[in-house]
Amino acid sequence: MPTIEQAIAEAAATMDTVHRAREIAITTSRTLIRQSANTIRAIQRNDFGEACGSPG
């Protein structure tokens, strides 16, 4: 049976891992939303090259 200190250390490590994964997910989601918004604006301007990721 683990001691209370071991249980706390394990819980803290798990929480740190979950926090890092959450931060990665948030960053990735924000990037996706920003790219989607830029694509929508490019389509509305009839700038299909930019909308597809091509310059100009």
C-alpha atoms as a PDB file:
ATOM      1  CA  MET A   1       0.000   0.000   0.000  1.00  0.00           C
ATOM      2  CA  PRO A   2       1.498   3.354  -1.014  1.00  0.00           C
ATOM      3  CA  THR A   3       2.099   6.041   1.531  1.00  0.00           C
ATOM      4  CA  ILE A   4       0.156   9.291   1.412  1.00  0.00           C
ATOM      5  CA  GLU A   5       3.265  11.037   0.054  1.00  0.00           C
ATOM      6  CA  GLN A   6       3.534   8.523  -2.785  1.00  0.00           C
ATOM      7  CA  ALA A   7      -0.156   8.877  -3.586  1.00  0.00           C
ATOM      8  CA  ILE A   8       0.165  12.674  -3.646  1.00  0.00           C
ATOM      9  CA  ALA A   9       3.253  12.510  -5.865  1.00  0.00           C
ATOM     10  CA  GLU A  10       1.485  10.148  -8.272  1.00  0.00           C
ATOM     11  CA  ALA A  11      -1.620  12.329  -8.375  1.00  0.00           C
ATOM     12  CA  ALA A  12       0.491  15.433  -8.993  1.00  0.00           C
ATOM     13  CA  ALA A  13       2.356  13.706 -11.834  1.00  0.00           C
ATOM     14  CA  THR A  14      -0.935  12.637 -13.406  1.00  0.00           C
ATOM     15  CA  MET A  15      -2.334  16.146 -13.093  1.00  0.00           C
ATOM     16  CA  ASP A  16       0.803  17.592 -14.709  1.00  0.00           C
ATOM     17  CA  THR A  17       0.455  15.179 -17.634  1.00  0.00           C
ATOM     18  CA  VAL A  18      -3.210  16.024 -18.075  1.00  0.00           C
ATOM     19  CA  HIS A  19      -2.435  19.746 -17.869  1.00  0.00           C
ATOM     20  CA  ARG A  20       0.262  19.489 -20.579  1.00  0.00           C
ATOM     21  CA  ALA A  21      -2.110  17.545 -22.845  1.00  0.00           C
ATOM     22  CA  ARG A  22      -4.837  20.144 -22.262  1.00  0.00           C
ATOM     23  CA  GLU A  23      -2.473  22.998 -23.130  1.00  0.00           C
ATOM     24  CA  ILE A  24      -1.435  21.251 -26.355  1.00  0.00           C
ATOM     25  CA  ALA A  25      -5.094  20.663 -27.262  1.00  0.00           C
ATOM     26  CA  ILE A  26      -5.990  24.307 -26.599  1.00  0.00           C
ATOM     27  CA  THR A  27      -3.072  25.596 -28.679  1.00  0.00           C
ATOM     28  CA  THR A  28      -3.890  23.231 -31.534  1.00  0.00           C
ATOM     29  CA  SER A  29      -7.585  24.152 -31.420  1.00  0.00           C
ATOM     30  CA  ARG A  30      -6.811  27.873 -31.520  1.00  0.00           C
ATOM     31  CA  THR A  31      -4.514  27.384 -34.504  1.00  0.00           C
ATOM     32  CA  LEU A  32      -7.195  25.396 -36.332  1.00  0.00           C
ATOM     33  CA  ILE A  33      -9.848  28.017 -35.592  1.00  0.00           C
ATOM     34  CA  ARG A  34      -7.528  30.829 -36.778  1.00  0.00           C
ATOM     35  CA  GLN A  35      -6.722  28.979 -40.024  1.00  0.00           C
ATOM     36  CA  SER A  36     -10.392  28.220 -40.603  1.00  0.00           C
ATOM     37  CA  ALA A  37     -11.335  31.878 -40.102  1.00  0.00           C
ATOM     38  CA  ASN A  38      -8.592  32.995 -42.499  1.00  0.00           C
ATOM     39  CA  THR A  39      -9.794  30.493 -45.095  1.00  0.00           C
ATOM     40  CA  ILE A  40     -13.406  31.640 -44.779  1.00  0.00           C
ATOM     41  CA  ARG A  41     -12.355  35.286 -45.183  1.00  0.00           C
ATOM     42  CA  ALA A  42     -10.240  34.406 -48.237  1.00  0.00           C
ATOM     43  CA  ILE A  43     -13.167  32.572 -49.848  1.00  0.00           C
ATOM     44  CA  GLN A  44     -15.438  35.541 -49.195  1.00  0.00           C
ATOM     45  CA  ARG A  45     -12.869  37.718 -51.034  1.00  0.00           C
ATOM     46  CA  ASN A  46     -12.801  35.168 -53.897  1.00  0.00           C
ATOM     47  CA  ASP A  47      -9.113  34.602 -53.154  1.00  0.00           C
ATOM     48  CA  PHE A  48      -9.162  30.872 -53.699  1.00  0.00           C
ATOM     49  CA  GLY A  49      -5.382  30.582 -53.934  1.00  0.00           C
ATOM     50  CA  GLU A  50      -4.995  31.879 -50.396  1.00  0.00           C
ATOM     51  CA  ALA A  51      -7.946  29.808 -49.235  1.00  0.00           C
ATOM     52  CA  CYS A  52      -6.180  26.665 -50.492  1.00  0.00           C
ATOM     53  CA  GLY A  53      -2.887  27.698 -48.893  1.00  0.00           C
ATOM     54  CA  SER A  54      -1.200  28.912 -52.059  1.00  0.00           C
ATOM     55  CA  PRO A  55       0.425  32.347 -52.004  1.00  0.00           C
ATOM     56  CA  GLY A  56      -1.321  34.937 -54.117  1.00  0.00           C
END
